């Protein structure tokens, strides 16, 4: 078997030009360096965005409110429009907190006991509330059928005195 050694050329692959390969490697290294720089820039931007607040509107509101003097805060907090808007936000916050906390509370023994107790109380009070509403509807039906000629306020006074005499 002959041991043929070919330097810079191969009968099957042809001749090799190492200078062109070196140029290709240089181009690839430059492309890699550019990509690495771009990746570093993207990472820096991502970190900067994480540092920036995810709630810029809330931050702006907080900034305004924190910058108020006591007198300015008093005036703002007495404005009906602001109070109504603030109450809506507080209700949304409370609802969101409740949704997050419900499973946590229900999974604790103390929370489970408190919820069971509250359920029992709620069922009991609902029954008595239904009874009161039914009585009021029956009273109103009686008023419409028998006493519609008198004012409803007088009818209620009359019913009040009848209940006391019974």
N, C-alpha and C. Protein backbone atom coordinates (compact mmCIF):
# COMPACT_ATOMS: atom_id res chain seq x y z
N UNK A 1 0.83 -1.15 0.00
CA UNK A 1 0.00 0.00 0.00
C UNK A 1 0.89 1.23 0.00
N UNK A 2 0.64 2.06 -0.93
CA UNK A 2 1.51 3.24 -0.98
C UNK A 2 1.04 4.30 0.01
N UNK A 3 1.95 4.93 0.66
CA UNK A 3 1.67 6.04 1.55
C UNK A 3 1.99 7.32 0.82
N UNK A 4 0.93 7.89 0.26
CA UNK A 4 1.12 9.14 -0.46
C UNK A 4 0.76 10.30 0.47
N UNK A 5 1.64 11.22 0.60
CA UNK A 5 1.40 12.40 1.41
C UNK A 5 1.34 13.58 0.46
N UNK A 6 0.22 14.28 0.53
CA UNK A 6 0.03 15.43 -0.34
C UNK A 6 0.01 16.69 0.53
N UNK A 7 0.82 17.62 0.22
CA UNK A 7 0.87 18.87 0.95
C UNK A 7 0.25 19.94 0.08
N UNK A 8 -0.75 20.64 0.65
CA UNK A 8 -1.48 21.71 -0.02
C UNK A 8 -2.25 21.26 -1.25
N UNK A 9 -2.31 20.00 -1.49
CA UNK A 9 -3.14 19.56 -2.61
C UNK A 9 -3.55 18.12 -2.37
N UNK A 10 -4.66 17.76 -2.90
CA UNK A 10 -5.18 16.41 -2.77
C UNK A 10 -5.72 16.04 -4.13
N UNK A 11 -5.39 14.89 -4.64
CA UNK A 11 -5.86 14.53 -5.98
C UNK A 11 -7.38 14.46 -6.08
N UNK A 12 -8.07 14.11 -4.99
CA UNK A 12 -9.52 13.99 -5.03
C UNK A 12 -10.18 15.33 -4.71
N UNK A 13 -9.74 15.99 -3.64
CA UNK A 13 -10.36 17.23 -3.20
C UNK A 13 -9.82 18.44 -3.94
N UNK A 14 -8.75 18.32 -4.56
CA UNK A 14 -8.15 19.43 -5.27
C UNK A 14 -7.18 20.16 -4.36
N UNK A 15 -6.74 21.26 -4.83
CA UNK A 15 -5.76 22.01 -4.05
C UNK A 15 -6.47 22.85 -3.00
N UNK A 16 -5.80 23.05 -1.89
CA UNK A 16 -6.35 23.86 -0.81
C UNK A 16 -5.62 25.19 -0.76
N UNK A 17 -6.44 26.20 -0.58
CA UNK A 17 -5.87 27.53 -0.42
C UNK A 17 -6.12 27.96 1.01
N UNK A 18 -5.09 27.81 1.85
CA UNK A 18 -5.24 28.12 3.26
C UNK A 18 -5.48 29.60 3.51
N UNK A 19 -5.05 30.46 2.63
CA UNK A 19 -5.27 31.90 2.83
C UNK A 19 -6.75 32.24 2.71
N UNK A 20 -7.48 31.57 1.83
CA UNK A 20 -8.92 31.83 1.74
C UNK A 20 -9.65 31.29 2.95
N UNK A 21 -9.19 30.16 3.48
CA UNK A 21 -9.80 29.61 4.69
C UNK A 21 -9.54 30.53 5.87
N UNK A 22 -8.38 31.08 5.94
CA UNK A 22 -8.06 32.02 7.01
C UNK A 22 -8.94 33.25 6.92
N UNK A 23 -9.17 33.72 5.70
CA UNK A 23 -10.05 34.88 5.50
C UNK A 23 -11.47 34.54 5.93
N UNK A 24 -11.94 33.33 5.59
CA UNK A 24 -13.28 32.91 5.99
C UNK A 24 -13.40 32.84 7.52
N UNK A 25 -12.37 32.32 8.16
CA UNK A 25 -12.38 32.23 9.62
C UNK A 25 -12.41 33.63 10.22
N UNK A 26 -11.68 34.55 9.65
CA UNK A 26 -11.67 35.93 10.14
C UNK A 26 -13.04 36.55 10.01
N UNK A 27 -13.70 36.33 8.86
CA UNK A 27 -15.05 36.85 8.65
C UNK A 27 -16.01 36.24 9.67
N UNK A 28 -15.91 34.95 9.89
CA UNK A 28 -16.77 34.27 10.86
C UNK A 28 -16.54 34.79 12.27
N UNK A 29 -15.27 35.04 12.62
CA UNK A 29 -14.96 35.58 13.94
C UNK A 29 -15.57 36.97 14.11
N UNK A 30 -15.51 37.78 13.06
CA UNK A 30 -16.12 39.12 13.12
C UNK A 30 -17.63 39.01 13.28
N UNK A 31 -18.26 38.12 12.53
CA UNK A 31 -19.71 37.92 12.64
C UNK A 31 -20.07 37.45 14.05
N UNK A 32 -19.25 36.53 14.58
CA UNK A 32 -19.50 36.04 15.93
C UNK A 32 -19.36 37.16 16.95
N UNK A 33 -18.33 37.99 16.80
CA UNK A 33 -18.13 39.12 17.71
C UNK A 33 -19.31 40.09 17.63
N UNK A 34 -19.80 40.36 16.41
CA UNK A 34 -20.95 41.25 16.24
C UNK A 34 -22.19 40.67 16.91
N UNK A 35 -22.39 39.38 16.73
CA UNK A 35 -23.54 38.72 17.35
C UNK A 35 -23.44 38.74 18.88
N UNK A 36 -22.24 38.54 19.39
CA UNK A 36 -22.03 38.58 20.84
C UNK A 36 -22.31 39.98 21.37
N UNK A 37 -21.85 41.01 20.64
CA UNK A 37 -22.13 42.39 21.05
C UNK A 37 -23.63 42.66 21.05
N UNK A 38 -24.30 42.20 20.02
CA UNK A 38 -25.75 42.40 19.92
C UNK A 38 -26.47 41.68 21.07
N UNK A 39 -26.00 40.48 21.37
CA UNK A 39 -26.57 39.71 22.49
C UNK A 39 -26.37 40.46 23.80
N UNK A 40 -25.19 41.00 24.01
CA UNK A 40 -24.91 41.77 25.23
C UNK A 40 -25.83 43.00 25.31
N UNK A 41 -26.04 43.68 24.17
CA UNK A 41 -26.92 44.83 24.14
C UNK A 41 -28.35 44.43 24.49
N UNK A 42 -28.82 43.32 23.93
CA UNK A 42 -30.17 42.85 24.22
C UNK A 42 -30.32 42.48 25.70
N UNK A 43 -29.28 41.85 26.27
CA UNK A 43 -29.32 41.52 27.69
C UNK A 43 -29.39 42.79 28.53
N UNK A 44 -28.59 43.78 28.16
CA UNK A 44 -28.59 45.04 28.91
C UNK A 44 -29.95 45.72 28.82
N UNK A 45 -30.55 45.71 27.62
CA UNK A 45 -31.89 46.30 27.46
C UNK A 45 -32.91 45.55 28.30
N UNK A 46 -32.83 44.23 28.31
CA UNK A 46 -33.78 43.42 29.09
C UNK A 46 -33.64 43.73 30.57
N UNK A 47 -32.40 43.86 31.05
CA UNK A 47 -32.19 44.18 32.46
C UNK A 47 -32.72 45.57 32.78
N UNK A 48 -32.51 46.51 31.86
CA UNK A 48 -33.00 47.87 32.07
C UNK A 48 -34.52 47.88 32.13
N UNK A 49 -35.15 47.10 31.25
CA UNK A 49 -36.61 47.04 31.26
C UNK A 49 -37.12 46.41 32.54
N UNK A 50 -36.38 45.43 33.08
CA UNK A 50 -36.79 44.82 34.34
C UNK A 50 -36.67 45.80 35.48
N UNK A 51 -35.66 46.66 35.42
CA UNK A 51 -35.48 47.66 36.45
C UNK A 51 -36.61 48.69 36.38
N UNK A 52 -37.03 49.02 35.15
CA UNK A 52 -38.14 49.94 35.00
C UNK A 52 -39.40 49.27 35.52
N UNK A 53 -40.28 50.07 36.07
CA UNK A 53 -41.49 49.54 36.67
C UNK A 53 -42.40 48.89 35.64
N UNK A 54 -43.08 47.87 36.09
CA UNK A 54 -44.08 47.23 35.24
C UNK A 54 -45.43 47.93 35.40
N UNK A 55 -45.50 48.93 36.26
CA UNK A 55 -46.74 49.67 36.50
C UNK A 55 -46.48 51.17 36.43
N UNK A 56 -46.18 51.68 35.25
CA UNK A 56 -45.83 53.10 35.15
C UNK A 56 -46.97 54.05 35.53
N UNK A 57 -48.21 53.67 35.27
CA UNK A 57 -49.34 54.54 35.62
C UNK A 57 -49.46 54.64 37.14
N UNK A 58 -49.35 53.48 37.82
CA UNK A 58 -49.39 53.49 39.28
C UNK A 58 -48.25 54.34 39.83
N UNK A 59 -47.06 54.17 39.24
CA UNK A 59 -45.90 54.93 39.70
C UNK A 59 -46.14 56.43 39.55
N UNK A 60 -46.75 56.83 38.45
CA UNK A 60 -47.01 58.25 38.24
C UNK A 60 -48.02 58.78 39.27
N UNK A 61 -49.07 58.00 39.52
CA UNK A 61 -50.06 58.39 40.52
C UNK A 61 -49.39 58.52 41.89
N UNK A 62 -48.57 57.51 42.25
CA UNK A 62 -47.88 57.56 43.54
C UNK A 62 -46.97 58.77 43.63
N UNK A 63 -46.29 59.07 42.54
CA UNK A 63 -45.39 60.22 42.52
C UNK A 63 -46.16 61.52 42.78
N UNK A 64 -47.30 61.65 42.12
CA UNK A 64 -48.12 62.85 42.31
C UNK A 64 -48.63 62.93 43.74
N UNK A 65 -49.17 61.82 44.25
CA UNK A 65 -49.75 61.83 45.59
C UNK A 65 -48.66 62.04 46.65
N UNK A 66 -47.48 61.45 46.47
CA UNK A 66 -46.41 61.62 47.44
C UNK A 66 -45.86 63.04 47.44
N UNK A 67 -46.04 63.75 46.33
CA UNK A 67 -45.54 65.11 46.23
C UNK A 67 -46.50 66.17 46.76
N UNK A 68 -47.67 65.76 47.21
CA UNK A 68 -48.66 66.72 47.71
C UNK A 68 -48.34 67.16 49.14
N UNK A 69 -48.63 68.40 49.41
CA UNK A 69 -48.55 68.87 50.80
C UNK A 69 -49.79 68.35 51.53
N UNK A 70 -49.81 68.52 52.85
CA UNK A 70 -50.97 68.05 53.62
C UNK A 70 -52.25 68.74 53.17
N UNK A 71 -52.17 70.03 52.94
CA UNK A 71 -53.35 70.80 52.52
C UNK A 71 -53.81 70.35 51.14
N UNK A 72 -52.85 70.16 50.21
CA UNK A 72 -53.21 69.69 48.86
C UNK A 72 -53.85 68.31 48.93
N UNK A 73 -53.28 67.43 49.76
CA UNK A 73 -53.85 66.08 49.91
C UNK A 73 -55.26 66.16 50.46
N UNK A 74 -55.47 67.02 51.42
CA UNK A 74 -56.81 67.19 52.01
C UNK A 74 -57.82 67.63 50.94
N UNK A 75 -57.41 68.58 50.09
CA UNK A 75 -58.30 69.07 49.03
C UNK A 75 -58.59 67.97 48.02
N UNK A 76 -57.54 67.26 47.61
CA UNK A 76 -57.72 66.17 46.63
C UNK A 76 -58.62 65.09 47.20
N UNK A 77 -58.36 64.71 48.46
CA UNK A 77 -59.11 63.59 49.04
C UNK A 77 -60.55 63.95 49.40
N UNK A 78 -60.91 65.22 49.29
CA UNK A 78 -62.30 65.63 49.50
C UNK A 78 -63.06 65.80 48.20
N UNK A 79 -62.37 65.68 47.08
CA UNK A 79 -63.02 65.82 45.78
C UNK A 79 -63.83 64.56 45.49
N UNK A 80 -65.13 64.73 45.23
CA UNK A 80 -66.02 63.57 45.03
C UNK A 80 -65.58 62.69 43.87
N UNK A 81 -65.16 63.30 42.78
CA UNK A 81 -64.74 62.54 41.60
C UNK A 81 -63.51 61.69 41.92
N UNK A 82 -62.54 62.29 42.64
CA UNK A 82 -61.34 61.55 43.01
C UNK A 82 -61.67 60.42 43.98
N UNK A 83 -62.52 60.70 44.95
CA UNK A 83 -62.91 59.69 45.94
C UNK A 83 -63.59 58.51 45.26
N UNK A 84 -64.49 58.81 44.33
CA UNK A 84 -65.19 57.73 43.61
C UNK A 84 -64.21 56.88 42.80
N UNK A 85 -63.30 57.54 42.10
CA UNK A 85 -62.30 56.83 41.31
C UNK A 85 -61.39 56.01 42.21
N UNK A 86 -60.95 56.59 43.32
CA UNK A 86 -60.08 55.88 44.25
C UNK A 86 -60.79 54.67 44.85
N UNK A 87 -62.07 54.82 45.18
CA UNK A 87 -62.83 53.69 45.73
C UNK A 87 -62.96 52.55 44.73
N UNK A 88 -63.12 52.89 43.45
CA UNK A 88 -63.18 51.84 42.42
C UNK A 88 -61.86 51.08 42.36
N UNK A 89 -60.75 51.83 42.40
CA UNK A 89 -59.44 51.17 42.38
C UNK A 89 -59.24 50.30 43.61
N UNK A 90 -59.62 50.81 44.77
CA UNK A 90 -59.47 50.04 46.00
C UNK A 90 -60.31 48.77 45.96
N UNK A 91 -61.50 48.85 45.37
CA UNK A 91 -62.34 47.66 45.24
C UNK A 91 -61.69 46.63 44.31
N UNK A 92 -61.08 47.11 43.22
CA UNK A 92 -60.37 46.20 42.31
C UNK A 92 -59.18 45.54 43.00
N UNK A 93 -58.45 46.33 43.78
CA UNK A 93 -57.30 45.79 44.52
C UNK A 93 -57.76 44.73 45.51
N UNK A 94 -58.82 45.06 46.23
CA UNK A 94 -59.33 44.13 47.23
C UNK A 94 -59.80 42.82 46.57
N UNK A 95 -60.46 42.94 45.44
CA UNK A 95 -60.94 41.73 44.73
C UNK A 95 -59.76 40.89 44.26
N UNK A 96 -58.72 41.53 43.74
CA UNK A 96 -57.55 40.80 43.27
C UNK A 96 -56.83 40.12 44.44
N UNK A 97 -56.70 40.83 45.55
CA UNK A 97 -56.07 40.24 46.73
C UNK A 97 -56.87 39.05 47.23
N UNK A 98 -58.17 39.20 47.25
CA UNK A 98 -59.03 38.13 47.72
C UNK A 98 -58.89 36.88 46.85
N UNK A 99 -58.84 37.09 45.54
CA UNK A 99 -58.69 35.94 44.63
C UNK A 99 -57.37 35.22 44.86
N UNK A 100 -56.32 35.97 45.15
CA UNK A 100 -55.01 35.35 45.39
C UNK A 100 -54.97 34.65 46.75
N UNK A 101 -55.67 35.20 47.72
CA UNK A 101 -55.57 34.68 49.09
C UNK A 101 -56.58 33.58 49.41
N UNK A 102 -57.67 33.49 48.66
CA UNK A 102 -58.69 32.48 48.96
C UNK A 102 -58.11 31.07 49.10
N UNK A 103 -57.33 30.59 48.11
CA UNK A 103 -56.82 29.22 48.25
C UNK A 103 -55.87 29.05 49.44
N UNK A 104 -55.11 30.08 49.75
CA UNK A 104 -54.17 30.00 50.87
C UNK A 104 -54.93 29.89 52.18
N UNK A 105 -55.95 30.73 52.33
CA UNK A 105 -56.73 30.72 53.57
C UNK A 105 -57.48 29.40 53.72
N UNK A 106 -58.09 28.94 52.63
CA UNK A 106 -58.89 27.72 52.70
C UNK A 106 -58.03 26.49 52.97
N UNK A 107 -56.76 26.53 52.59
CA UNK A 107 -55.90 25.36 52.79
C UNK A 107 -55.32 25.29 54.21
N UNK A 108 -55.41 26.37 54.97
CA UNK A 108 -54.90 26.33 56.35
C UNK A 108 -56.01 25.85 57.29
N UNK A 109 -55.65 25.14 58.35
CA UNK A 109 -56.67 24.65 59.29
C UNK A 109 -57.47 25.80 59.92
N UNK A 110 -56.78 26.85 60.32
CA UNK A 110 -57.46 27.99 60.93
C UNK A 110 -58.40 28.66 59.94
N UNK A 111 -57.94 28.82 58.70
CA UNK A 111 -58.77 29.43 57.66
C UNK A 111 -59.97 28.57 57.34
N UNK A 112 -59.76 27.25 57.26
CA UNK A 112 -60.86 26.33 56.97
C UNK A 112 -61.92 26.41 58.06
N UNK A 113 -61.50 26.44 59.33
CA UNK A 113 -62.46 26.56 60.44
C UNK A 113 -63.24 27.87 60.35
N UNK A 114 -62.52 28.96 60.09
CA UNK A 114 -63.18 30.27 60.00
C UNK A 114 -64.17 30.30 58.84
N UNK A 115 -63.80 29.71 57.71
CA UNK A 115 -64.70 29.67 56.56
C UNK A 115 -65.93 28.82 56.83
N UNK A 116 -65.73 27.65 57.47
CA UNK A 116 -66.88 26.80 57.81
C UNK A 116 -67.84 27.53 58.74
N UNK A 117 -67.29 28.24 59.74
CA UNK A 117 -68.12 29.00 60.67
C UNK A 117 -68.88 30.10 59.91
N UNK A 118 -68.17 30.80 59.03
CA UNK A 118 -68.81 31.88 58.27
C UNK A 118 -69.91 31.33 57.35
N UNK A 119 -69.68 30.16 56.77
CA UNK A 119 -70.70 29.53 55.92
C UNK A 119 -71.95 29.21 56.73
N UNK A 120 -71.77 28.67 57.93
CA UNK A 120 -72.91 28.35 58.79
C UNK A 120 -73.70 29.60 59.14
N UNK A 121 -72.99 30.66 59.52
CA UNK A 121 -73.64 31.93 59.87
C UNK A 121 -74.38 32.50 58.66
N UNK A 122 -73.73 32.45 57.50
CA UNK A 122 -74.32 32.99 56.27
C UNK A 122 -75.62 32.27 55.93
N UNK A 123 -75.62 30.95 56.02
CA UNK A 123 -76.83 30.17 55.73
C UNK A 123 -77.95 30.53 56.69
N UNK A 124 -77.62 30.65 57.97
CA UNK A 124 -78.63 30.96 58.98
C UNK A 124 -79.22 32.35 58.76
N UNK A 125 -78.36 33.33 58.52
CA UNK A 125 -78.84 34.70 58.34
C UNK A 125 -79.62 34.82 57.03
N UNK A 126 -79.21 34.07 56.02
CA UNK A 126 -79.95 34.11 54.75
C UNK A 126 -81.39 33.64 54.96
N UNK A 127 -81.57 32.61 55.76
CA UNK A 127 -82.92 32.11 56.05
C UNK A 127 -83.76 33.19 56.73
N UNK A 128 -83.19 33.87 57.72
CA UNK A 128 -83.96 34.90 58.42
C UNK A 128 -84.21 36.10 57.51
N UNK A 129 -83.24 36.42 56.63
CA UNK A 129 -83.44 37.53 55.68
C UNK A 129 -84.56 37.19 54.70
N UNK A 130 -84.60 35.96 54.25
CA UNK A 130 -85.68 35.53 53.34
C UNK A 130 -87.03 35.63 54.03
N UNK A 131 -87.08 35.27 55.30
CA UNK A 131 -88.32 35.34 56.07
C UNK A 131 -88.80 36.79 56.18
N UNK A 132 -87.89 37.71 56.46
CA UNK A 132 -88.24 39.13 56.57
C UNK A 132 -88.75 39.66 55.24
N UNK A 133 -88.08 39.31 54.16
CA UNK A 133 -88.50 39.78 52.83
C UNK A 133 -89.88 39.23 52.49
N UNK A 134 -90.10 37.97 52.78
CA UNK A 134 -91.42 37.37 52.52
C UNK A 134 -92.52 38.08 53.32
N UNK A 135 -92.24 38.40 54.58
CA UNK A 135 -93.22 39.11 55.40
C UNK A 135 -93.52 40.49 54.83
N UNK A 136 -92.46 41.18 54.39
CA UNK A 136 -92.66 42.51 53.80
C UNK A 136 -93.49 42.43 52.52
N UNK A 137 -93.24 41.41 51.69
CA UNK A 137 -94.03 41.24 50.46
C UNK A 137 -95.49 40.93 50.79
N UNK A 138 -95.69 40.09 51.79
CA UNK A 138 -97.07 39.77 52.18
C UNK A 138 -97.78 41.00 52.72
N UNK A 139 -97.06 41.81 53.52
CA UNK A 139 -97.64 43.06 54.02
C UNK A 139 -98.01 43.99 52.86
N UNK A 140 -97.13 44.09 51.89
CA UNK A 140 -97.40 44.98 50.76
C UNK A 140 -98.60 44.48 49.94
N UNK A 141 -98.69 43.16 49.76
CA UNK A 141 -99.85 42.60 49.05
C UNK A 141 -101.14 42.91 49.81
N UNK A 142 -101.09 42.75 51.13
CA UNK A 142 -102.26 43.06 51.94
C UNK A 142 -102.63 44.54 51.79
N UNK A 143 -101.62 45.41 51.81
CA UNK A 143 -101.87 46.85 51.64
C UNK A 143 -102.55 47.12 50.30
N UNK A 144 -102.03 46.53 49.23
CA UNK A 144 -102.60 46.77 47.89
C UNK A 144 -104.03 46.26 47.80
N UNK A 145 -104.29 45.11 48.39
CA UNK A 145 -105.61 44.50 48.27
C UNK A 145 -106.66 45.15 49.20
N UNK A 146 -106.28 45.52 50.42
CA UNK A 146 -107.28 45.96 51.40
C UNK A 146 -107.19 47.44 51.78
N UNK A 147 -106.00 48.03 51.70
CA UNK A 147 -105.82 49.38 52.24
C UNK A 147 -105.20 50.35 51.22
N UNK A 148 -105.42 50.13 49.96
CA UNK A 148 -104.79 50.97 48.94
C UNK A 148 -105.32 52.41 48.96
N UNK A 149 -106.41 52.65 49.67
CA UNK A 149 -106.97 54.00 49.75
C UNK A 149 -106.19 54.90 50.72
N UNK A 150 -105.37 54.32 51.59
CA UNK A 150 -104.60 55.14 52.53
C UNK A 150 -103.11 55.16 52.11
N UNK A 151 -102.36 56.17 52.53
CA UNK A 151 -100.92 56.20 52.23
C UNK A 151 -100.20 55.01 52.88
N UNK A 152 -99.17 54.55 52.23
CA UNK A 152 -98.45 53.37 52.68
C UNK A 152 -97.81 53.61 54.06
N UNK A 153 -97.36 54.83 54.31
CA UNK A 153 -96.76 55.16 55.61
C UNK A 153 -97.78 54.98 56.73
N UNK A 154 -99.01 55.40 56.49
CA UNK A 154 -100.07 55.23 57.50
C UNK A 154 -100.37 53.75 57.72
N UNK A 155 -100.38 53.01 56.62
CA UNK A 155 -100.62 51.56 56.71
C UNK A 155 -99.54 50.92 57.60
N UNK A 156 -98.28 51.31 57.37
CA UNK A 156 -97.20 50.74 58.18
C UNK A 156 -97.36 51.11 59.65
N UNK A 157 -97.79 52.35 59.94
CA UNK A 157 -98.03 52.76 61.33
C UNK A 157 -99.14 51.91 61.94
N UNK A 158 -100.21 51.71 61.15
CA UNK A 158 -101.33 50.91 61.62
C UNK A 158 -100.87 49.47 61.90
N UNK A 159 -100.08 48.92 61.00
CA UNK A 159 -99.59 47.55 61.18
C UNK A 159 -98.69 47.48 62.41
N UNK A 160 -97.91 48.53 62.64
CA UNK A 160 -97.03 48.58 63.81
C UNK A 160 -97.80 48.58 65.10
N UNK A 161 -98.91 49.32 65.16
CA UNK A 161 -99.72 49.37 66.36
C UNK A 161 -100.49 48.05 66.54
N UNK A 162 -100.89 47.44 65.44
CA UNK A 162 -101.58 46.13 65.54
C UNK A 162 -100.65 45.08 66.10
N UNK A 163 -99.37 45.10 65.66
CA UNK A 163 -98.42 44.11 66.15
C UNK A 163 -98.15 44.31 67.63
N UNK A 164 -98.14 45.58 68.08
CA UNK A 164 -97.87 45.85 69.49
C UNK A 164 -99.03 45.41 70.36
N UNK A 165 -100.26 45.53 69.85
CA UNK A 165 -101.44 45.15 70.65
C UNK A 165 -101.64 43.65 70.68
N UNK A 166 -101.07 42.94 69.76
CA UNK A 166 -101.26 41.47 69.72
C UNK A 166 -100.55 40.77 70.81
